[in-house]
Amino acid sequence: MIERWLAAIAAAGDPDLALEIALCARLIKGYGDTNRRGKANFLRILDTLVEGKAVGDPAARAAAVRAAREAALADSEGRGLEANLAGHGITPLPPKAKPIKFMRRPAAVAAKV
């Protein structure tokens, strides 16, 4: 993934676009679910905006990458990123299913209710 990221920075051809691609590394942080979501958001931006043809002009592409990165950082569920990408004509991914967990209340809490 690092080689792909560095290749995208080198191939940008525009300094502003290269900077925005470089800053996308901020999406990958933490561990566990946080790390998985960050990598997924990073790859989604790389696939669609950086390597995709949704935005042609380098200046517009840099602005699109910046807006997508900021949307991904602001929304841990990824819906903001998908809404942002939809604005560029990219089909949004469906929301990820979340399991519902039912838990018994402790007897002491159940008695008070």
PDB file of N, CA and C in Angstrom:
ATOM      1  N   MET A   1       0.833  -1.181   0.000  1.00  0.00           N
ATOM      2  CA  MET A   1       0.000   0.000   0.000  1.00  0.00           C
ATOM      3  C   MET A   1       0.886   1.256   0.000  1.00  0.00           C
ATOM      4  N   ILE A   2       2.011   1.191   0.689  1.00  0.00           N
ATOM      5  CA  ILE A   2       2.910   2.346   0.728  1.00  0.00           C
ATOM      6  C   ILE A   2       3.474   2.627  -0.668  1.00  0.00           C
ATOM      7  N   GLU A   3       3.851   1.570  -1.381  1.00  0.00           N
ATOM      8  CA  GLU A   3       4.391   1.762  -2.724  1.00  0.00           C
ATOM      9  C   GLU A   3       3.346   2.382  -3.650  1.00  0.00           C
ATOM     10  N   ARG A   4       2.110   1.950  -3.521  1.00  0.00           N
ATOM     11  CA  ARG A   4       1.030   2.496  -4.345  1.00  0.00           C
ATOM     12  C   ARG A   4       0.804   3.971  -4.022  1.00  0.00           C
ATOM     13  N   TRP A   5       0.836   4.317  -2.740  1.00  0.00           N
ATOM     14  CA  TRP A   5       0.664   5.698  -2.285  1.00  0.00           C
ATOM     15  C   TRP A   5       1.802   6.572  -2.815  1.00  0.00           C
ATOM     16  N   LEU A   6       3.048   6.096  -2.675  1.00  0.00           N
ATOM     17  CA  LEU A   6       4.200   6.867  -3.163  1.00  0.00           C
ATOM     18  C   LEU A   6       4.162   7.024  -4.684  1.00  0.00           C
ATOM     19  N   ALA A   7       3.750   5.973  -5.386  1.00  0.00           N
ATOM     20  CA  ALA A   7       3.640   6.059  -6.850  1.00  0.00           C
ATOM     21  C   ALA A   7       2.588   7.080  -7.251  1.00  0.00           C
ATOM     22  N   ALA A   8       1.493   7.139  -6.518  1.00  0.00           N
ATOM     23  CA  ALA A   8       0.439   8.118  -6.823  1.00  0.00           C
ATOM     24  C   ALA A   8       0.932   9.537  -6.587  1.00  0.00           C
ATOM     25  N   ILE A   9       1.722   9.735  -5.534  1.00  0.00           N
ATOM     26  CA  ILE A   9       2.288  11.068  -5.263  1.00  0.00           C
ATOM     27  C   ILE A   9       3.244  11.460  -6.394  1.00  0.00           C
ATOM     28  N   ALA A  10       4.107  10.530  -6.795  1.00  0.00           N
ATOM     29  CA  ALA A  10       5.088  10.810  -7.849  1.00  0.00           C
ATOM     30  C   ALA A  10       4.414  11.070  -9.197  1.00  0.00           C
ATOM     31  N   ALA A  11       3.301  10.388  -9.459  1.00  0.00           N
ATOM     32  CA  ALA A  11       2.619  10.518 -10.751  1.00  0.00           C
ATOM     33  C   ALA A  11       1.633  11.683 -10.795  1.00  0.00           C
ATOM     34  N   ALA A  12       1.458  12.377  -9.692  1.00  0.00           N
ATOM     35  CA  ALA A  12       0.442  13.436  -9.625  1.00  0.00           C
ATOM     36  C   ALA A  12       0.656  14.525 -10.666  1.00  0.00           C
ATOM     37  N   GLY A  13       1.881  14.941 -10.863  1.00  0.00           N
ATOM     38  CA  GLY A  13       2.161  15.962 -11.864  1.00  0.00           C
ATOM     39  C   GLY A  13       1.807  17.379 -11.441  1.00  0.00           C
ATOM     40  N   ASP A  14       1.120  17.536 -10.350  1.00  0.00           N
ATOM     41  CA  ASP A  14       0.723  18.845  -9.829  1.00  0.00           C
ATOM     42  C   ASP A  14       1.096  18.877  -8.350  1.00  0.00           C
ATOM     43  N   PRO A  15       1.810  19.903  -7.906  1.00  0.00           N
ATOM     44  CA  PRO A  15       2.253  19.922  -6.508  1.00  0.00           C
ATOM     45  C   PRO A  15       1.103  19.923  -5.496  1.00  0.00           C
ATOM     46  N   ASP A  16       0.017  20.623  -5.806  1.00  0.00           N
ATOM     47  CA  ASP A  16      -1.127  20.647  -4.880  1.00  0.00           C
ATOM     48  C   ASP A  16      -1.783  19.274  -4.789  1.00  0.00           C
ATOM     49  N   LEU A  17      -1.910  18.616  -5.914  1.00  0.00           N
ATOM     50  CA  LEU A  17      -2.486  17.274  -5.919  1.00  0.00           C
ATOM     51  C   LEU A  17      -1.571  16.300  -5.183  1.00  0.00           C
ATOM     52  N   ALA A  18      -0.272  16.402  -5.410  1.00  0.00           N
ATOM     53  CA  ALA A  18       0.682  15.532  -4.714  1.00  0.00           C
ATOM     54  C   ALA A  18       0.586  15.721  -3.199  1.00  0.00           C
ATOM     55  N   LEU A  19       0.449  16.963  -2.760  1.00  0.00           N
ATOM     56  CA  LEU A  19       0.309  17.232  -1.321  1.00  0.00           C
ATOM     57  C   LEU A  19      -0.960  16.614  -0.767  1.00  0.00           C
ATOM     58  N   GLU A  20      -2.062  16.759  -1.479  1.00  0.00           N
ATOM     59  CA  GLU A  20      -3.335  16.201  -0.999  1.00  0.00           C
ATOM     60  C   GLU A  20      -3.283  14.670  -0.930  1.00  0.00           C
ATOM     61  N   ILE A  21      -2.629  14.059  -1.898  1.00  0.00           N
ATOM     62  CA  ILE A  21      -2.473  12.605  -1.870  1.00  0.00           C
ATOM     63  C   ILE A  21      -1.598  12.208  -0.688  1.00  0.00           C
ATOM     64  N   ALA A  22      -0.529  12.942  -0.453  1.00  0.00           N
ATOM     65  CA  ALA A  22       0.364  12.642   0.668  1.00  0.00           C
ATOM     66  C   ALA A  22      -0.383  12.755   1.996  1.00  0.00           C
ATOM     67  N   LEU A  23      -1.247  13.764   2.123  1.00  0.00           N
ATOM     68  CA  LEU A  23      -1.987  13.968   3.372  1.00  0.00           C
ATOM     69  C   LEU A  23      -3.036  12.883   3.622  1.00  0.00           C
ATOM     70  N   CYS A  24      -3.382  12.125   2.596  1.00  0.00           N
ATOM     71  CA  CYS A  24      -4.342  11.031   2.784  1.00  0.00           C
ATOM     72  C   CYS A  24      -3.812   9.955   3.725  1.00  0.00           C
ATOM     73  N   ALA A  25      -2.518   9.927   3.943  1.00  0.00           N
ATOM     74  CA  ALA A  25      -1.952   8.952   4.884  1.00  0.00           C
ATOM     75  C   ALA A  25      -2.485   9.179   6.299  1.00  0.00           C
ATOM     76  N   ARG A  26      -2.992  10.370   6.591  1.00  0.00           N
ATOM     77  CA  ARG A  26      -3.581  10.656   7.911  1.00  0.00           C
ATOM     78  C   ARG A  26      -4.802   9.793   8.194  1.00  0.00           C
ATOM     79  N   LEU A  27      -5.397   9.241   7.158  1.00  0.00           N
ATOM     80  CA  LEU A  27      -6.587   8.408   7.342  1.00  0.00           C
ATOM     81  C   LEU A  27      -6.254   7.098   8.046  1.00  0.00           C
ATOM     82  N   ILE A  28      -5.033   6.621   7.870  1.00  0.00           N
ATOM     83  CA  ILE A  28      -4.642   5.330   8.447  1.00  0.00           C
ATOM     84  C   ILE A  28      -4.000   5.585   9.805  1.00  0.00           C
ATOM     85  N   LYS A  29      -4.709   5.181  10.844  1.00  0.00           N
ATOM     86  CA  LYS A  29      -4.208   5.372  12.200  1.00  0.00           C
ATOM     87  C   LYS A  29      -4.869   4.337  13.105  1.00  0.00           C
ATOM     88  N   GLY A  30      -4.397   4.261  14.306  1.00  0.00           N
ATOM     89  CA  GLY A  30      -5.010   3.377  15.291  1.00  0.00           C
ATOM     90  C   GLY A  30      -4.771   1.913  14.999  1.00  0.00           C
ATOM     91  N   TYR A  31      -5.652   1.105  15.533  1.00  0.00           N
ATOM     92  CA  TYR A  31      -5.573  -0.344  15.348  1.00  0.00           C
ATOM     93  C   TYR A  31      -6.991  -0.897  15.377  1.00  0.00           C
ATOM     94  N   GLY A  32      -7.129  -2.146  15.012  1.00  0.00           N
ATOM     95  CA  GLY A  32      -8.444  -2.784  15.024  1.00  0.00           C
ATOM     96  C   GLY A  32      -9.383  -2.178  13.995  1.00  0.00           C
ATOM     97  N   ASP A  33     -10.623  -1.922  14.427  1.00  0.00           N
ATOM     98  CA  ASP A  33     -11.648  -1.382  13.529  1.00  0.00           C
ATOM     99  C   ASP A  33     -11.283   0.002  13.002  1.00  0.00           C
ATOM    100  N   THR A  34     -10.671   0.816  13.830  1.00  0.00           N
ATOM    101  CA  THR A  34     -10.271   2.162  13.400  1.00  0.00           C
ATOM    102  C   THR A  34      -9.279   2.075  12.247  1.00  0.00           C
ATOM    103  N   ASN A  35      -8.315   1.181  12.356  1.00  0.00           N
ATOM    104  CA  ASN A  35      -7.319   1.006  11.314  1.00  0.00           C
ATOM    105  C   ASN A  35      -7.957   0.456  10.042  1.00  0.00           C
ATOM    106  N   ARG A  36      -8.860  -0.513  10.172  1.00  0.00           N
ATOM    107  CA  ARG A  36      -9.530  -1.089   8.996  1.00  0.00           C
ATOM    108  C   ARG A  36     -10.363  -0.036   8.266  1.00  0.00           C
ATOM    109  N   ARG A  37     -11.113   0.775   9.025  1.00  0.00           N
ATOM    110  CA  ARG A  37     -11.922   1.832   8.393  1.00  0.00           C
ATOM    111  C   ARG A  37     -11.032   2.849   7.698  1.00  0.00           C
ATOM    112  N   GLY A  38      -9.937   3.229   8.353  1.00  0.00           N
ATOM    113  CA  GLY A  38      -9.019   4.197   7.752  1.00  0.00           C
ATOM    114  C   GLY A  38      -8.416   3.693   6.460  1.00  0.00           C
ATOM    115  N   LYS A  39      -7.992   2.432   6.454  1.00  0.00           N
ATOM    116  CA  LYS A  39      -7.429   1.850   5.222  1.00  0.00           C
ATOM    117  C   LYS A  39      -8.482   1.772   4.123  1.00  0.00           C
ATOM    118  N   ALA A  40      -9.695   1.390   4.493  1.00  0.00           N
ATOM    119  CA  ALA A  40     -10.763   1.304   3.496  1.00  0.00           C
ATOM    120  C   ALA A  40     -11.058   2.676   2.902  1.00  0.00           C
ATOM    121  N   ASN A  41     -11.113   3.710   3.739  1.00  0.00           N
ATOM    122  CA  ASN A  41     -11.352   5.074   3.248  1.00  0.00           C
ATOM    123  C   ASN A  41     -10.196   5.541   2.369  1.00  0.00           C
ATOM    124  N   PHE A  42      -8.978   5.256   2.794  1.00  0.00           N
ATOM    125  CA  PHE A  42      -7.796   5.624   2.024  1.00  0.00           C
ATOM    126  C   PHE A  42      -7.846   4.986   0.641  1.00  0.00           C
ATOM    127  N   LEU A  43      -8.105   3.676   0.598  1.00  0.00           N
ATOM    128  CA  LEU A  43      -8.158   2.972  -0.681  1.00  0.00           C
ATOM    129  C   LEU A  43      -9.322   3.441  -1.544  1.00  0.00           C
ATOM    130  N   ARG A  44     -10.433   3.796  -0.910  1.00  0.00           N
ATOM    131  CA  ARG A  44     -11.596   4.289  -1.668  1.00  0.00           C
ATOM    132  C   ARG A  44     -11.246   5.602  -2.372  1.00  0.00           C
ATOM    133  N   ILE A  45     -10.568   6.495  -1.679  1.00  0.00           N
ATOM    134  CA  ILE A  45     -10.147   7.772  -2.280  1.00  0.00           C
ATOM    135  C   ILE A  45      -9.109   7.518  -3.364  1.00  0.00           C
ATOM    136  N   LEU A  46      -8.152   6.648  -3.082  1.00  0.00           N
ATOM    137  CA  LEU A  46      -7.106   6.348  -4.061  1.00  0.00           C
ATOM    138  C   LEU A  46      -7.700   5.736  -5.323  1.00  0.00           C
ATOM    139  N   ASP A  47      -8.608   4.781  -5.170  1.00  0.00           N
ATOM    140  CA  ASP A  47      -9.224   4.110  -6.324  1.00  0.00           C
ATOM    141  C   ASP A  47     -10.088   5.045  -7.157  1.00  0.00           C
ATOM    142  N   THR A  48     -10.868   5.883  -6.497  1.00  0.00           N
ATOM    143  CA  THR A  48     -11.878   6.665  -7.209  1.00  0.00           C
ATOM    144  C   THR A  48     -11.385   8.033  -7.683  1.00  0.00           C
ATOM    145  N   LEU A  49     -10.754   8.773  -6.807  1.00  0.00           N
ATOM    146  CA  LEU A  49     -10.371  10.147  -7.155  1.00  0.00           C
ATOM    147  C   LEU A  49      -8.942  10.278  -7.666  1.00  0.00           C
ATOM    148  N   VAL A  50      -8.014   9.549  -7.059  1.00  0.00           N
ATOM    149  CA  VAL A  50      -6.613   9.699  -7.451  1.00  0.00           C
ATOM    150  C   VAL A  50      -6.328   8.929  -8.730  1.00  0.00           C
ATOM    151  N   GLU A  51      -6.675   7.652  -8.753  1.00  0.00           N
ATOM    152  CA  GLU A  51      -6.387   6.825  -9.920  1.00  0.00           C
ATOM    153  C   GLU A  51      -7.562   6.740 -10.885  1.00  0.00           C
ATOM    154  N   GLY A  52      -8.744   7.103 -10.431  1.00  0.00           N
ATOM    155  CA  GLY A  52      -9.933   7.080 -11.284  1.00  0.00           C
ATOM    156  C   GLY A  52     -10.000   8.307 -12.175  1.00  0.00           C
ATOM    157  N   LYS A  53     -10.981   8.320 -13.032  1.00  0.00           N
ATOM    158  CA  LYS A  53     -11.141   9.422 -13.995  1.00  0.00           C
ATOM    159  C   LYS A  53     -12.345  10.306 -13.676  1.00  0.00           C
ATOM    160  N   ALA A  54     -12.822  10.290 -12.431  1.00  0.00           N
ATOM    161  CA  ALA A  54     -14.013  11.062 -12.073  1.00  0.00           C
ATOM    162  C   ALA A  54     -13.776  12.567 -12.188  1.00  0.00           C
ATOM    163  N   VAL A  55     -12.560  13.007 -11.877  1.00  0.00           N
ATOM    164  CA  VAL A  55     -12.216  14.428 -11.945  1.00  0.00           C
ATOM    165  C   VAL A  55     -10.950  14.546 -12.793  1.00  0.00           C
ATOM    166  N   GLY A  56     -11.019  15.325 -13.870  1.00  0.00           N
ATOM    167  CA  GLY A  56      -9.901  15.385 -14.802  1.00  0.00           C
ATOM    168  C   GLY A  56      -8.865  16.441 -14.494  1.00  0.00           C
ATOM    169  N   ASP A  57      -9.280  17.650 -14.197  1.00  0.00           N
ATOM    170  CA  ASP A  57      -8.371  18.765 -13.963  1.00  0.00           C
ATOM    171  C   ASP A  57      -7.584  18.549 -12.670  1.00  0.00           C
ATOM    172  N   PRO A  58      -6.252  18.701 -12.685  1.00  0.00           N
ATOM    173  CA  PRO A  58      -5.451  18.478 -11.473  1.00  0.00           C
ATOM    174  C   PRO A  58      -5.853  19.369 -10.296  1.00  0.00           C
ATOM    175  N   ALA A  59      -6.189  20.617 -10.546  1.00  0.00           N
ATOM    176  CA  ALA A  59      -6.590  21.506  -9.450  1.00  0.00           C
ATOM    177  C   ALA A  59      -7.921  21.053  -8.846  1.00  0.00           C
ATOM    178  N   ALA A  60      -8.854  20.681  -9.707  1.00  0.00           N
ATOM    179  CA  ALA A  60     -10.150  20.180  -9.228  1.00  0.00           C
ATOM    180  C   ALA A  60      -9.977  18.843  -8.532  1.00  0.00           C
ATOM    181  N   ARG A  61      -9.072  18.020  -9.033  1.00  0.00           N
ATOM    182  CA  ARG A  61      -8.812  16.726  -8.398  1.00  0.00           C
ATOM    183  C   ARG A  61      -8.211  16.917  -7.014  1.00  0.00           C
ATOM    184  N   ALA A  62      -7.296  17.883  -6.883  1.00  0.00           N
ATOM    185  CA  ALA A  62      -6.702  18.173  -5.568  1.00  0.00           C
ATOM    186  C   ALA A  62      -7.784  18.619  -4.579  1.00  0.00           C
ATOM    187  N   ALA A  63      -8.683  19.483  -5.032  1.00  0.00           N
ATOM    188  CA  ALA A  63      -9.776  19.939  -4.164  1.00  0.00           C
ATOM    189  C   ALA A  63     -10.707  18.784  -3.810  1.00  0.00           C
ATOM    190  N   ALA A  64     -10.970  17.896  -4.763  1.00  0.00           N
ATOM    191  CA  ALA A  64     -11.841  16.746  -4.510  1.00  0.00           C
ATOM    192  C   ALA A  64     -11.200  15.787  -3.510  1.00  0.00           C
ATOM    193  N   VAL A  65      -9.909  15.542  -3.643  1.00  0.00           N
ATOM    194  CA  VAL A  65      -9.204  14.663  -2.704  1.00  0.00           C
ATOM    195  C   VAL A  65      -9.211  15.274  -1.313  1.00  0.00           C
ATOM    196  N   ARG A  66      -8.978  16.579  -1.223  1.00  0.00           N
ATOM    197  CA  ARG A  66      -8.990  17.260   0.086  1.00  0.00           C
ATOM    198  C   ARG A  66     -10.372  17.148   0.734  1.00  0.00           C
ATOM    199  N   ALA A  67     -11.405  17.422  -0.028  1.00  0.00           N
ATOM    200  CA  ALA A  67     -12.768  17.353   0.520  1.00  0.00           C
ATOM    201  C   ALA A  67     -13.127  15.927   0.935  1.00  0.00           C
ATOM    202  N   ALA A  68     -12.725  14.954   0.143  1.00  0.00           N
ATOM    203  CA  ALA A  68     -13.013  13.553   0.479  1.00  0.00           C
ATOM    204  C   ALA A  68     -12.251  13.137   1.742  1.00  0.00           C
ATOM    205  N   ARG A  69     -10.987  13.530   1.844  1.00  0.00           N
ATOM    206  CA  ARG A  69     -10.187  13.217   3.037  1.00  0.00           C
ATOM    207  C   ARG A  69     -10.805  13.834   4.289  1.00  0.00           C
ATOM    208  N   GLU A  70     -11.219  15.094   4.187  1.00  0.00           N
ATOM    209  CA  GLU A  70     -11.836  15.757   5.338  1.00  0.00           C
ATOM    210  C   GLU A  70     -13.166  15.110   5.712  1.00  0.00           C
ATOM    211  N   ALA A  71     -13.929  14.686   4.720  1.00  0.00           N
ATOM    212  CA  ALA A  71     -15.201  14.001   4.991  1.00  0.00           C
ATOM    213  C   ALA A  71     -14.947  12.666   5.675  1.00  0.00           C
ATOM    214  N   ALA A  72     -13.921  11.960   5.240  1.00  0.00           N
ATOM    215  CA  ALA A  72     -13.601  10.662   5.843  1.00  0.00           C
ATOM    216  C   ALA A  72     -13.118  10.835   7.282  1.00  0.00           C
ATOM    217  N   LEU A  73     -12.349  11.873   7.550  1.00  0.00           N
ATOM    218  CA  LEU A  73     -11.868  12.112   8.913  1.00  0.00           C
ATOM    219  C   LEU A  73     -12.989  12.559   9.847  1.00  0.00           C
ATOM    220  N   ALA A  74     -13.998  13.216   9.304  1.00  0.00           N
ATOM    221  CA  ALA A  74     -15.091  13.744  10.129  1.00  0.00           C
ATOM    222  C   ALA A  74     -16.152  12.706  10.459  1.00  0.00           C
ATOM    223  N   ASP A  75     -16.233  11.636   9.674  1.00  0.00           N
ATOM    224  CA  ASP A  75     -17.311  10.654   9.839  1.00  0.00           C
ATOM    225  C   ASP A  75     -16.722   9.251   9.884  1.00  0.00           C
ATOM    226  N   SER A  76     -16.732   8.642  11.058  1.00  0.00           N
ATOM    227  CA  SER A  76     -16.121   7.319  11.203  1.00  0.00           C
ATOM    228  C   SER A  76     -16.896   6.230  10.474  1.00  0.00           C
ATOM    229  N   GLU A  77     -18.160   6.455  10.199  1.00  0.00           N
ATOM    230  CA  GLU A  77     -18.975   5.443   9.515  1.00  0.00           C
ATOM    231  C   GLU A  77     -18.755   5.431   8.000  1.00  0.00           C
ATOM    232  N   GLY A  78     -18.153   6.467   7.453  1.00  0.00           N
ATOM    233  CA  GLY A  78     -17.871   6.516   6.027  1.00  0.00           C
ATOM    234  C   GLY A  78     -18.995   7.059   5.170  1.00  0.00           C
ATOM    235  N   ARG A  79     -20.115   7.433   5.767  1.00  0.00           N
ATOM    236  CA  ARG A  79     -21.234   7.942   4.967  1.00  0.00           C
ATOM    237  C   ARG A  79     -20.905   9.318   4.384  1.00  0.00           C
ATOM    238  N   GLY A  80     -20.169  10.129   5.116  1.00  0.00           N
ATOM    239  CA  GLY A  80     -19.777  11.439   4.598  1.00  0.00           C
ATOM    240  C   GLY A  80     -18.869  11.315   3.382  1.00  0.00           C
ATOM    241  N   LEU A  81     -17.950  10.370   3.441  1.00  0.00           N
ATOM    242  CA  LEU A  81     -17.065  10.131   2.307  1.00  0.00           C
ATOM    243  C   LEU A  81     -17.866   9.678   1.097  1.00  0.00           C
ATOM    244  N   GLU A  82     -18.782   8.749   1.301  1.00  0.00           N
ATOM    245  CA  GLU A  82     -19.583   8.247   0.183  1.00  0.00           C
ATOM    246  C   GLU A  82     -20.469   9.353  -0.413  1.00  0.00           C
ATOM    247  N   ALA A  83     -21.013  10.208   0.434  1.00  0.00           N
ATOM    248  CA  ALA A  83     -21.815  11.331  -0.064  1.00  0.00           C
ATOM    249  C   ALA A  83     -20.941  12.285  -0.876  1.00  0.00           C
ATOM    250  N   ASN A  84     -19.722  12.503  -0.405  1.00  0.00           N
ATOM    251  CA  ASN A  84     -18.797  13.367  -1.117  1.00  0.00           C
ATOM    252  C   ASN A  84     -18.453  12.771  -2.479  1.00  0.00           C
ATOM    253  N   LEU A  85     -18.174  11.479  -2.519  1.00  0.00           N
ATOM    254  CA  LEU A  85     -17.836  10.825  -3.782  1.00  0.00           C
ATOM    255  C   LEU A  85     -19.022  10.814  -4.743  1.00  0.00           C
ATOM    256  N   ALA A  86     -20.226  10.682  -4.206  1.00  0.00           N
ATOM    257  CA  ALA A  86     -21.423  10.705  -5.048  1.00  0.00           C
ATOM    258  C   ALA A  86     -21.551  12.042  -5.772  1.00  0.00           C
ATOM    259  N   GLY A  87     -21.063  13.105  -5.170  1.00  0.00           N
ATOM    260  CA  GLY A  87     -21.073  14.415  -5.803  1.00  0.00           C
ATOM    261  C   GLY A  87     -20.201  14.484  -7.046  1.00  0.00           C
ATOM    262  N   HIS A  88     -19.318  13.516  -7.204  1.00  0.00           N
ATOM    263  CA  HIS A  88     -18.447  13.452  -8.387  1.00  0.00           C
ATOM    264  C   HIS A  88     -18.906  12.370  -9.363  1.00  0.00           C
ATOM    265  N   GLY A  89     -20.109  11.849  -9.138  1.00  0.00           N
ATOM    266  CA  GLY A  89     -20.650  10.839 -10.035  1.00  0.00           C
ATOM    267  C   GLY A  89     -20.196   9.421  -9.732  1.00  0.00           C
ATOM    268  N   ILE A  90     -19.590   9.212  -8.575  1.00  0.00           N
ATOM    269  CA  ILE A  90     -19.123   7.876  -8.181  1.00  0.00           C
ATOM    270  C   ILE A  90     -20.236   7.196  -7.394  1.00  0.00           C
ATOM    271  N   THR A  91     -20.577   5.992  -7.782  1.00  0.00           N
ATOM    272  CA  THR A  91     -21.652   5.257  -7.117  1.00  0.00           C
ATOM    273  C   THR A  91     -21.255   4.963  -5.673  1.00  0.00           C
ATOM    274  N   PRO A  92     -22.068   5.412  -4.706  1.00  0.00           N
ATOM    275  CA  PRO A  92     -21.719   5.165  -3.297  1.00  0.00           C
ATOM    276  C   PRO A  92     -21.834   3.685  -2.940  1.00  0.00           C
ATOM    277  N   LEU A  93     -20.988   3.259  -2.034  1.00  0.00           N
ATOM    278  CA  LEU A  93     -21.074   1.902  -1.515  1.00  0.00           C
ATOM    279  C   LEU A  93     -22.257   1.820  -0.555  1.00  0.00           C
ATOM    280  N   PRO A  94     -22.897   0.661  -0.459  1.00  0.00           N
ATOM    281  CA  PRO A  94     -23.999   0.538   0.506  1.00  0.00           C
ATOM    282  C   PRO A  94     -23.462   0.587   1.936  1.00  0.00           C
ATOM    283  N   PRO A  95     -24.296   1.007   2.888  1.00  0.00           N
ATOM    284  CA  PRO A  95     -23.845   1.022   4.285  1.00  0.00           C
ATOM    285  C   PRO A  95     -23.476  -0.387   4.739  1.00  0.00           C
ATOM    286  N   LYS A  96     -22.492  -0.466   5.604  1.00  0.00           N
ATOM    287  CA  LYS A  96     -22.073  -1.760   6.127  1.00  0.00           C
ATOM    288  C   LYS A  96     -23.038  -2.214   7.210  1.00  0.00           C
ATOM    289  N   ALA A  97     -23.362  -3.483   7.178  1.00  0.00           N
ATOM    290  CA  ALA A  97     -24.268  -4.051   8.183  1.00  0.00           C
ATOM    291  C   ALA A  97     -23.567  -4.099   9.535  1.00  0.00           C
ATOM    292  N   LYS A  98     -24.328  -3.828  10.572  1.00  0.00           N
ATOM    293  CA  LYS A  98     -23.810  -3.900  11.933  1.00  0.00           C
ATOM    294  C   LYS A  98     -24.641  -4.912  12.699  1.00  0.00           C
ATOM    295  N   PRO A  99     -23.984  -5.801  13.406  1.00  0.00           N
ATOM    296  CA  PRO A  99     -24.760  -6.775  14.183  1.00  0.00           C
ATOM    297  C   PRO A  99     -25.440  -6.101  15.367  1.00  0.00           C
ATOM    298  N   ILE A 100     -26.600  -6.616  15.702  1.00  0.00           N
ATOM    299  CA  ILE A 100     -27.314  -6.133  16.875  1.00  0.00           C
ATOM    300  C   ILE A 100     -27.017  -7.108  18.004  1.00  0.00           C
ATOM    301  N   LYS A 101     -26.603  -6.578  19.122  1.00  0.00           N
ATOM    302  CA  LYS A 101     -26.270  -7.426  20.263  1.00  0.00           C
ATOM    303  C   LYS A 101     -27.265  -7.163  21.386  1.00  0.00           C
ATOM    304  N   PHE A 102     -27.910  -8.211  21.821  1.00  0.00           N
ATOM    305  CA  PHE A 102     -28.825  -8.119  22.953  1.00  0.00           C
ATOM    306  C   PHE A 102     -28.094  -8.610  24.187  1.00  0.00           C
ATOM    307  N   MET A 103     -28.242  -7.871  25.262  1.00  0.00           N
ATOM    308  CA  MET A 103     -27.565  -8.240  26.502  1.00  0.00           C
ATOM    309  C   MET A 103     -28.579  -8.230  27.635  1.00  0.00           C
ATOM    310  N   ARG A 104     -28.439  -9.180  28.505  1.00  0.00           N
ATOM    311  CA  ARG A 104     -29.301  -9.218  29.682  1.00  0.00           C
ATOM    312  C   ARG A 104     -28.880  -8.138  30.658  1.00  0.00           C
ATOM    313  N   ARG A 105     -29.863  -7.561  31.297  1.00  0.00           N
ATOM    314  CA  ARG A 105     -29.545  -6.606  32.349  1.00  0.00           C
ATOM    315  C   ARG A 105     -29.133  -7.383  33.595  1.00  0.00           C
ATOM    316  N   PRO A 106     -28.228  -6.838  34.362  1.00  0.00           N
ATOM    317  CA  PRO A 106     -27.909  -7.482  35.638  1.00  0.00           C
ATOM    318  C   PRO A 106     -29.152  -7.484  36.520  1.00  0.00           C
ATOM    319  N   ALA A 107     -29.297  -8.473  37.374  1.00  0.00           N
ATOM    320  CA  ALA A 107     -30.481  -8.616  38.224  1.00  0.00           C
ATOM    321  C   ALA A 107     -30.720  -7.372  39.062  1.00  0.00           C
ATOM    322  N   ALA A 108     -29.684  -6.731  39.558  1.00  0.00           N
ATOM    323  CA  ALA A 108     -29.867  -5.541  40.397  1.00  0.00           C
ATOM    324  C   ALA A 108     -30.464  -4.393  39.603  1.00  0.00           C
ATOM    325  N   VAL A 109     -30.085  -4.223  38.366  1.00  0.00           N
ATOM    326  CA  VAL A 109     -30.621  -3.145  37.519  1.00  0.00           C
ATOM    327  C   VAL A 109     -32.037  -3.477  37.106  1.00  0.00           C
ATOM    328  N   ALA A 110     -32.307  -4.730  36.765  1.00  0.00           N
ATOM    329  CA  ALA A 110     -33.649  -5.148  36.350  1.00  0.00           C
ATOM    330  C   ALA A 110     -34.679  -4.954  37.463  1.00  0.00           C
ATOM    331  N   ALA A 111     -34.260  -5.146  38.687  1.00  0.00           N
ATOM    332  CA  ALA A 111     -35.171  -4.989  39.823  1.00  0.00           C
ATOM    333  C   ALA A 111     -35.560  -3.535  40.036  1.00  0.00           C
ATOM    334  N   LYS A 112     -34.695  -2.580  39.705  1.00  0.00           N
ATOM    335  CA  LYS A 112     -34.970  -1.160  39.899  1.00  0.00           C
ATOM    336  C   LYS A 112     -35.918  -0.623  38.822  1.00  0.00           C
ATOM    337  N   VAL A 113     -35.975  -1.276  37.693  1.00  0.00           N
ATOM    338  CA  VAL A 113     -36.790  -0.796  36.563  1.00  0.00           C
ATOM    339  C   VAL A 113     -38.185  -1.133  36.747  1.00  0.00           C
TER     340      VAL A 113
END
